[in-house]
Amino acid sequence: MLKKNQSSVPSEADLKKAMFESDGTPVDVTGDNASRKMTYTGLVNHTVFENKLIEVAKGKRTSWNFTFADATVSAAAH
């Protein structure tokens, strides 16, 4: 999940592009400019994804807050 910090969260297209470039496969993106949640498959290094997203969306490290969870943790939290 990404939440707005200094900038609106990246678009669905930017999230998907960054995920593909990080060797993941986006499955679903939900949310709006304040926060978005992306479900994906694959073994994705979180740091690589963050760096790709910063590059693709022309942001910086403090633009958004990132929260990562695997499917088991995410399902248990709901």
PDB file of N, CA and C in Angstrom:
ATOM      1  N   MET A   1       0.848  -1.167   0.000  1.00  0.00           N
ATOM      2  CA  MET A   1       0.000   0.000   0.000  1.00  0.00           C
ATOM      3  C   MET A   1       0.892   1.228   0.000  1.00  0.00           C
ATOM      4  N   LEU A   2       0.483   2.214  -0.748  1.00  0.00           N
ATOM      5  CA  LEU A   2       1.164   3.500  -0.760  1.00  0.00           C
ATOM      6  C   LEU A   2       0.216   4.552  -0.230  1.00  0.00           C
ATOM      7  N   LYS A   3       0.736   5.444   0.586  1.00  0.00           N
ATOM      8  CA  LYS A   3      -0.052   6.561   1.092  1.00  0.00           C
ATOM      9  C   LYS A   3       0.668   7.854   0.776  1.00  0.00           C
ATOM     10  N   LYS A   4      -0.135   8.870   0.521  1.00  0.00           N
ATOM     11  CA  LYS A   4       0.395  10.201   0.228  1.00  0.00           C
ATOM     12  C   LYS A   4       1.224  10.686   1.405  1.00  0.00           C
ATOM     13  N   ASN A   5       2.376  11.264   1.101  1.00  0.00           N
ATOM     14  CA  ASN A   5       3.200  11.918   2.107  1.00  0.00           C
ATOM     15  C   ASN A   5       3.399  13.347   1.639  1.00  0.00           C
ATOM     16  N   GLN A   6       4.370  13.586   0.765  1.00  0.00           N
ATOM     17  CA  GLN A   6       4.587  14.920   0.222  1.00  0.00           C
ATOM     18  C   GLN A   6       3.925  15.118  -1.136  1.00  0.00           C
ATOM     19  N   SER A   7       3.542  14.035  -1.788  1.00  0.00           N
ATOM     20  CA  SER A   7       2.934  14.100  -3.116  1.00  0.00           C
ATOM     21  C   SER A   7       1.803  13.082  -3.197  1.00  0.00           C
ATOM     22  N   SER A   8       0.866  13.313  -4.110  1.00  0.00           N
ATOM     23  CA  SER A   8      -0.166  12.311  -4.374  1.00  0.00           C
ATOM     24  C   SER A   8       0.515  11.019  -4.795  1.00  0.00           C
ATOM     25  N   VAL A   9      -0.129   9.899  -4.504  1.00  0.00           N
ATOM     26  CA  VAL A   9       0.472   8.615  -4.868  1.00  0.00           C
ATOM     27  C   VAL A   9       0.515   8.468  -6.390  1.00  0.00           C
ATOM     28  N   PRO A  10       1.437   7.677  -6.893  1.00  0.00           N
ATOM     29  CA  PRO A  10       1.552   7.481  -8.341  1.00  0.00           C
ATOM     30  C   PRO A  10       0.279   6.879  -8.946  1.00  0.00           C
ATOM     31  N   SER A  11       0.126   7.088 -10.231  1.00  0.00           N
ATOM     32  CA  SER A  11      -1.028   6.563 -10.955  1.00  0.00           C
ATOM     33  C   SER A  11      -0.965   5.037 -11.031  1.00  0.00           C
ATOM     34  N   GLU A  12      -2.089   4.444 -11.390  1.00  0.00           N
ATOM     35  CA  GLU A  12      -2.143   2.997 -11.584  1.00  0.00           C
ATOM     36  C   GLU A  12      -1.144   2.570 -12.654  1.00  0.00           C
ATOM     37  N   ALA A  13      -1.059   3.344 -13.731  1.00  0.00           N
ATOM     38  CA  ALA A  13      -0.129   3.016 -14.822  1.00  0.00           C
ATOM     39  C   ALA A  13       1.319   3.036 -14.340  1.00  0.00           C
ATOM     40  N   ASP A  14       1.689   4.037 -13.537  1.00  0.00           N
ATOM     41  CA  ASP A  14       3.058   4.121 -13.021  1.00  0.00           C
ATOM     42  C   ASP A  14       3.366   2.952 -12.081  1.00  0.00           C
ATOM     43  N   LEU A  15       2.396   2.602 -11.234  1.00  0.00           N
ATOM     44  CA  LEU A  15       2.595   1.471 -10.328  1.00  0.00           C
ATOM     45  C   LEU A  15       2.829   0.180 -11.108  1.00  0.00           C
ATOM     46  N   LYS A  16       2.000  -0.052 -12.112  1.00  0.00           N
ATOM     47  CA  LYS A  16       2.130  -1.270 -12.908  1.00  0.00           C
ATOM     48  C   LYS A  16       3.463  -1.303 -13.658  1.00  0.00           C
ATOM     49  N   LYS A  17       3.857  -0.176 -14.234  1.00  0.00           N
ATOM     50  CA  LYS A  17       5.118  -0.123 -14.984  1.00  0.00           C
ATOM     51  C   LYS A  17       6.295  -0.429 -14.054  1.00  0.00           C
ATOM     52  N   ALA A  18       6.315   0.202 -12.886  1.00  0.00           N
ATOM     53  CA  ALA A  18       7.396  -0.031 -11.926  1.00  0.00           C
ATOM     54  C   ALA A  18       7.420  -1.489 -11.467  1.00  0.00           C
ATOM     55  N   MET A  19       6.239  -2.097 -11.305  1.00  0.00           N
ATOM     56  CA  MET A  19       6.182  -3.497 -10.881  1.00  0.00           C
ATOM     57  C   MET A  19       6.729  -4.407 -11.974  1.00  0.00           C
ATOM     58  N   PHE A  20       6.325  -4.190 -13.225  1.00  0.00           N
ATOM     59  CA  PHE A  20       6.862  -4.985 -14.339  1.00  0.00           C
ATOM     60  C   PHE A  20       8.379  -4.865 -14.401  1.00  0.00           C
ATOM     61  N   GLU A  21       8.888  -3.641 -14.222  1.00  0.00           N
ATOM     62  CA  GLU A  21      10.332  -3.409 -14.295  1.00  0.00           C
ATOM     63  C   GLU A  21      11.071  -3.978 -13.083  1.00  0.00           C
ATOM     64  N   SER A  22      10.320  -4.385 -12.057  1.00  0.00           N
ATOM     65  CA  SER A  22      10.905  -5.002 -10.857  1.00  0.00           C
ATOM     66  C   SER A  22      10.718  -6.514 -10.865  1.00  0.00           C
ATOM     67  N   ASP A  23      10.343  -7.056 -12.022  1.00  0.00           N
ATOM     68  CA  ASP A  23      10.139  -8.496 -12.207  1.00  0.00           C
ATOM     69  C   ASP A  23       8.919  -9.048 -11.494  1.00  0.00           C
ATOM     70  N   GLY A  24       7.928  -8.193 -11.232  1.00  0.00           N
ATOM     71  CA  GLY A  24       6.671  -8.643 -10.658  1.00  0.00           C
ATOM     72  C   GLY A  24       5.558  -8.510 -11.684  1.00  0.00           C
ATOM     73  N   THR A  25       4.415  -9.100 -11.384  1.00  0.00           N
ATOM     74  CA  THR A  25       3.252  -9.020 -12.253  1.00  0.00           C
ATOM     75  C   THR A  25       2.099  -8.410 -11.464  1.00  0.00           C
ATOM     76  N   PRO A  26       1.698  -7.178 -11.804  1.00  0.00           N
ATOM     77  CA  PRO A  26       0.572  -6.577 -11.095  1.00  0.00           C
ATOM     78  C   PRO A  26      -0.720  -7.335 -11.396  1.00  0.00           C
ATOM     79  N   VAL A  27      -1.538  -7.523 -10.367  1.00  0.00           N
ATOM     80  CA  VAL A  27      -2.804  -8.230 -10.510  1.00  0.00           C
ATOM     81  C   VAL A  27      -3.965  -7.251 -10.401  1.00  0.00           C
ATOM     82  N   ASP A  28      -3.913  -6.351  -9.425  1.00  0.00           N
ATOM     83  CA  ASP A  28      -5.027  -5.439  -9.165  1.00  0.00           C
ATOM     84  C   ASP A  28      -4.495  -4.179  -8.494  1.00  0.00           C
ATOM     85  N   VAL A  29      -5.070  -3.036  -8.862  1.00  0.00           N
ATOM     86  CA  VAL A  29      -4.736  -1.766  -8.223  1.00  0.00           C
ATOM     87  C   VAL A  29      -6.046  -1.099  -7.823  1.00  0.00           C
ATOM     88  N   THR A  30      -6.146  -0.689  -6.563  1.00  0.00           N
ATOM     89  CA  THR A  30      -7.333   0.011  -6.087  1.00  0.00           C
ATOM     90  C   THR A  30      -6.897   1.268  -5.350  1.00  0.00           C
ATOM     91  N   GLY A  31      -7.795   2.220  -5.204  1.00  0.00           N
ATOM     92  CA  GLY A  31      -7.523   3.423  -4.436  1.00  0.00           C
ATOM     93  C   GLY A  31      -7.618   4.682  -5.262  1.00  0.00           C
ATOM     94  N   ASP A  32      -7.127   5.771  -4.670  1.00  0.00           N
ATOM     95  CA  ASP A  32      -7.198   7.080  -5.305  1.00  0.00           C
ATOM     96  C   ASP A  32      -5.883   7.821  -5.083  1.00  0.00           C
ATOM     97  N   ASN A  33      -5.874   9.134  -5.296  1.00  0.00           N
ATOM     98  CA  ASN A  33      -4.635   9.911  -5.182  1.00  0.00           C
ATOM     99  C   ASN A  33      -4.082   9.986  -3.758  1.00  0.00           C
ATOM    100  N   ALA A  34      -4.904   9.667  -2.759  1.00  0.00           N
ATOM    101  CA  ALA A  34      -4.430   9.691  -1.372  1.00  0.00           C
ATOM    102  C   ALA A  34      -3.762   8.380  -0.983  1.00  0.00           C
ATOM    103  N   SER A  35      -4.264   7.267  -1.519  1.00  0.00           N
ATOM    104  CA  SER A  35      -3.647   5.971  -1.234  1.00  0.00           C
ATOM    105  C   SER A  35      -4.064   4.963  -2.302  1.00  0.00           C
ATOM    106  N   ARG A  36      -3.167   4.033  -2.600  1.00  0.00           N
ATOM    107  CA  ARG A  36      -3.444   2.959  -3.544  1.00  0.00           C
ATOM    108  C   ARG A  36      -2.870   1.662  -2.989  1.00  0.00           C
ATOM    109  N   LYS A  37      -3.565   0.584  -3.304  1.00  0.00           N
ATOM    110  CA  LYS A  37      -3.118  -0.748  -2.922  1.00  0.00           C
ATOM    111  C   LYS A  37      -2.944  -1.551  -4.207  1.00  0.00           C
ATOM    112  N   MET A  38      -1.799  -2.201  -4.329  1.00  0.00           N
ATOM    113  CA  MET A  38      -1.538  -3.033  -5.494  1.00  0.00           C
ATOM    114  C   MET A  38      -1.280  -4.454  -5.043  1.00  0.00           C
ATOM    115  N   THR A  39      -2.001  -5.376  -5.649  1.00  0.00           N
ATOM    116  CA  THR A  39      -1.762  -6.794  -5.454  1.00  0.00           C
ATOM    117  C   THR A  39      -0.915  -7.256  -6.623  1.00  0.00           C
ATOM    118  N   TYR A  40       0.104  -8.069  -6.340  1.00  0.00           N
ATOM    119  CA  TYR A  40       1.004  -8.529  -7.394  1.00  0.00           C
ATOM    120  C   TYR A  40       1.469  -9.944  -7.106  1.00  0.00           C
ATOM    121  N   THR A  41       2.037 -10.568  -8.121  1.00  0.00           N
ATOM    122  CA  THR A  41       2.651 -11.876  -7.952  1.00  0.00           C
ATOM    123  C   THR A  41       4.120 -11.774  -8.347  1.00  0.00           C
ATOM    124  N   GLY A  42       4.906 -12.711  -7.873  1.00  0.00           N
ATOM    125  CA  GLY A  42       6.324 -12.731  -8.198  1.00  0.00           C
ATOM    126  C   GLY A  42       7.172 -12.431  -6.985  1.00  0.00           C
ATOM    127  N   LEU A  43       8.456 -12.651  -7.151  1.00  0.00           N
ATOM    128  CA  LEU A  43       9.422 -12.354  -6.095  1.00  0.00           C
ATOM    129  C   LEU A  43      10.021 -10.987  -6.377  1.00  0.00           C
ATOM    130  N   VAL A  44       9.516  -9.991  -5.691  1.00  0.00           N
ATOM    131  CA  VAL A  44       9.908  -8.607  -5.939  1.00  0.00           C
ATOM    132  C   VAL A  44      10.692  -8.085  -4.749  1.00  0.00           C
ATOM    133  N   ASN A  45      11.874  -7.568  -5.016  1.00  0.00           N
ATOM    134  CA  ASN A  45      12.664  -6.908  -3.984  1.00  0.00           C
ATOM    135  C   ASN A  45      12.023  -5.546  -3.736  1.00  0.00           C
ATOM    136  N   HIS A  46      11.636  -5.281  -2.502  1.00  0.00           N
ATOM    137  CA  HIS A  46      10.912  -4.051  -2.195  1.00  0.00           C
ATOM    138  C   HIS A  46      11.729  -2.803  -2.486  1.00  0.00           C
ATOM    139  N   THR A  47      13.005  -2.852  -2.215  1.00  0.00           N
ATOM    140  CA  THR A  47      13.866  -1.694  -2.486  1.00  0.00           C
ATOM    141  C   THR A  47      13.954  -1.435  -3.983  1.00  0.00           C
ATOM    142  N   VAL A  48      14.084  -2.486  -4.771  1.00  0.00           N
ATOM    143  CA  VAL A  48      14.120  -2.335  -6.232  1.00  0.00           C
ATOM    144  C   VAL A  48      12.814  -1.695  -6.717  1.00  0.00           C
ATOM    145  N   PHE A  49      11.667  -2.183  -6.195  1.00  0.00           N
ATOM    146  CA  PHE A  49      10.380  -1.628  -6.602  1.00  0.00           C
ATOM    147  C   PHE A  49      10.283  -0.148  -6.226  1.00  0.00           C
ATOM    148  N   GLU A  50      10.640   0.200  -4.998  1.00  0.00           N
ATOM    149  CA  GLU A  50      10.589   1.596  -4.573  1.00  0.00           C
ATOM    150  C   GLU A  50      11.446   2.467  -5.487  1.00  0.00           C
ATOM    151  N   ASN A  51      12.657   2.008  -5.791  1.00  0.00           N
ATOM    152  CA  ASN A  51      13.549   2.786  -6.657  1.00  0.00           C
ATOM    153  C   ASN A  51      12.972   2.939  -8.059  1.00  0.00           C
ATOM    154  N   LYS A  52      12.387   1.865  -8.602  1.00  0.00           N
ATOM    155  CA  LYS A  52      11.774   1.931  -9.933  1.00  0.00           C
ATOM    156  C   LYS A  52      10.585   2.888  -9.926  1.00  0.00           C
ATOM    157  N   LEU A  53       9.784   2.843  -8.875  1.00  0.00           N
ATOM    158  CA  LEU A  53       8.618   3.716  -8.793  1.00  0.00           C
ATOM    159  C   LEU A  53       9.039   5.181  -8.698  1.00  0.00           C
ATOM    160  N   ILE A  54      10.064   5.453  -7.934  1.00  0.00           N
ATOM    161  CA  ILE A  54      10.579   6.818  -7.837  1.00  0.00           C
ATOM    162  C   ILE A  54      11.032   7.297  -9.213  1.00  0.00           C
ATOM    163  N   GLU A  55      11.696   6.419  -9.957  1.00  0.00           N
ATOM    164  CA  GLU A  55      12.170   6.743 -11.306  1.00  0.00           C
ATOM    165  C   GLU A  55      10.994   6.953 -12.268  1.00  0.00           C
ATOM    166  N   VAL A  56      10.052   6.022 -12.274  1.00  0.00           N
ATOM    167  CA  VAL A  56       8.929   6.066 -13.210  1.00  0.00           C
ATOM    168  C   VAL A  56       7.994   7.242 -12.910  1.00  0.00           C
ATOM    169  N   ALA A  57       7.674   7.452 -11.637  1.00  0.00           N
ATOM    170  CA  ALA A  57       6.705   8.481 -11.253  1.00  0.00           C
ATOM    171  C   ALA A  57       7.358   9.831 -10.965  1.00  0.00           C
ATOM    172  N   LYS A  58       8.671   9.895 -11.136  1.00  0.00           N
ATOM    173  CA  LYS A  58       9.416  11.135 -10.915  1.00  0.00           C
ATOM    174  C   LYS A  58       9.162  11.718  -9.520  1.00  0.00           C
ATOM    175  N   GLY A  59       9.284  10.826  -8.541  1.00  0.00           N
ATOM    176  CA  GLY A  59       9.111  11.238  -7.155  1.00  0.00           C
ATOM    177  C   GLY A  59      10.443  11.229  -6.439  1.00  0.00           C
ATOM    178  N   LYS A  60      10.369  11.200  -5.124  1.00  0.00           N
ATOM    179  CA  LYS A  60      11.569  11.052  -4.308  1.00  0.00           C
ATOM    180  C   LYS A  60      11.234  10.154  -3.129  1.00  0.00           C
ATOM    181  N   ARG A  61      12.219   9.763  -2.394  1.00  0.00           N
ATOM    182  CA  ARG A  61      12.055   8.776  -1.323  1.00  0.00           C
ATOM    183  C   ARG A  61      10.964   9.193  -0.326  1.00  0.00           C
ATOM    184  N   THR A  62      10.795  10.481  -0.087  1.00  0.00           N
ATOM    185  CA  THR A  62       9.827  10.954   0.907  1.00  0.00           C
ATOM    186  C   THR A  62       8.474  11.336   0.299  1.00  0.00           C
ATOM    187  N   SER A  63       8.273  11.070  -0.990  1.00  0.00           N
ATOM    188  CA  SER A  63       7.006  11.442  -1.627  1.00  0.00           C
ATOM    189  C   SER A  63       5.833  10.632  -1.101  1.00  0.00           C
ATOM    190  N   TRP A  64       6.064   9.335  -0.813  1.00  0.00           N
ATOM    191  CA  TRP A  64       4.994   8.434  -0.409  1.00  0.00           C
ATOM    192  C   TRP A  64       5.471   7.532   0.719  1.00  0.00           C
ATOM    193  N   ASN A  65       4.521   7.007   1.466  1.00  0.00           N
ATOM    194  CA  ASN A  65       4.811   6.021   2.499  1.00  0.00           C
ATOM    195  C   ASN A  65       4.436   4.644   1.965  1.00  0.00           C
ATOM    196  N   PHE A  66       5.353   3.706   2.061  1.00  0.00           N
ATOM    197  CA  PHE A  66       5.155   2.352   1.564  1.00  0.00           C
ATOM    198  C   PHE A  66       4.847   1.399   2.710  1.00  0.00           C
ATOM    199  N   THR A  67       3.916   0.467   2.479  1.00  0.00           N
ATOM    200  CA  THR A  67       3.658  -0.633   3.387  1.00  0.00           C
ATOM    201  C   THR A  67       3.571  -1.895   2.550  1.00  0.00           C
ATOM    202  N   PHE A  68       4.381  -2.884   2.865  1.00  0.00           N
ATOM    203  CA  PHE A  68       4.374  -4.150   2.143  1.00  0.00           C
ATOM    204  C   PHE A  68       3.872  -5.250   3.066  1.00  0.00           C
ATOM    205  N   ALA A  69       3.112  -6.186   2.508  1.00  0.00           N
ATOM    206  CA  ALA A  69       2.655  -7.351   3.267  1.00  0.00           C
ATOM    207  C   ALA A  69       2.511  -8.518   2.306  1.00  0.00           C
ATOM    208  N   ASP A  70       2.834  -9.722   2.786  1.00  0.00           N
ATOM    209  CA  ASP A  70       2.583 -10.881   1.932  1.00  0.00           C
ATOM    210  C   ASP A  70       1.111 -11.251   2.056  1.00  0.00           C
ATOM    211  N   ALA A  71       0.631 -12.101   1.195  1.00  0.00           N
ATOM    212  CA  ALA A  71      -0.800 -12.428   1.137  1.00  0.00           C
ATOM    213  C   ALA A  71      -1.316 -12.971   2.459  1.00  0.00           C
ATOM    214  N   THR A  72      -0.546 -13.763   3.162  1.00  0.00           N
ATOM    215  CA  THR A  72      -0.972 -14.346   4.423  1.00  0.00           C
ATOM    216  C   THR A  72      -1.159 -13.257   5.470  1.00  0.00           C
ATOM    217  N   VAL A  73      -0.214 -12.341   5.571  1.00  0.00           N
ATOM    218  CA  VAL A  73      -0.304 -11.250   6.551  1.00  0.00           C
ATOM    219  C   VAL A  73      -1.460 -10.335   6.206  1.00  0.00           C
ATOM    220  N   SER A  74      -1.604  -9.982   4.943  1.00  0.00           N
ATOM    221  CA  SER A  74      -2.667  -9.088   4.512  1.00  0.00           C
ATOM    222  C   SER A  74      -4.040  -9.685   4.802  1.00  0.00           C
ATOM    223  N   ALA A  75      -4.240 -10.962   4.538  1.00  0.00           N
ATOM    224  CA  ALA A  75      -5.527 -11.613   4.769  1.00  0.00           C
ATOM    225  C   ALA A  75      -5.837 -11.682   6.262  1.00  0.00           C
ATOM    226  N   ALA A  76      -4.827 -11.919   7.080  1.00  0.00           N
ATOM    227  CA  ALA A  76      -5.034 -12.020   8.530  1.00  0.00           C
ATOM    228  C   ALA A  76      -5.396 -10.667   9.141  1.00  0.00           C
ATOM    229  N   ALA A  77      -4.971  -9.583   8.520  1.00  0.00           N
ATOM    230  CA  ALA A  77      -5.219  -8.246   9.050  1.00  0.00           C
ATOM    231  C   ALA A  77      -6.648  -7.780   8.800  1.00  0.00           C
ATOM    232  N   HIS A  78      -7.372  -8.469   7.926  1.00  0.00           N
ATOM    233  CA  HIS A  78      -8.732  -8.016   7.582  1.00  0.00           C
ATOM    234  C   HIS A  78      -9.749  -8.795   8.310  1.00  0.00           C
TER     235      HIS A  78
END
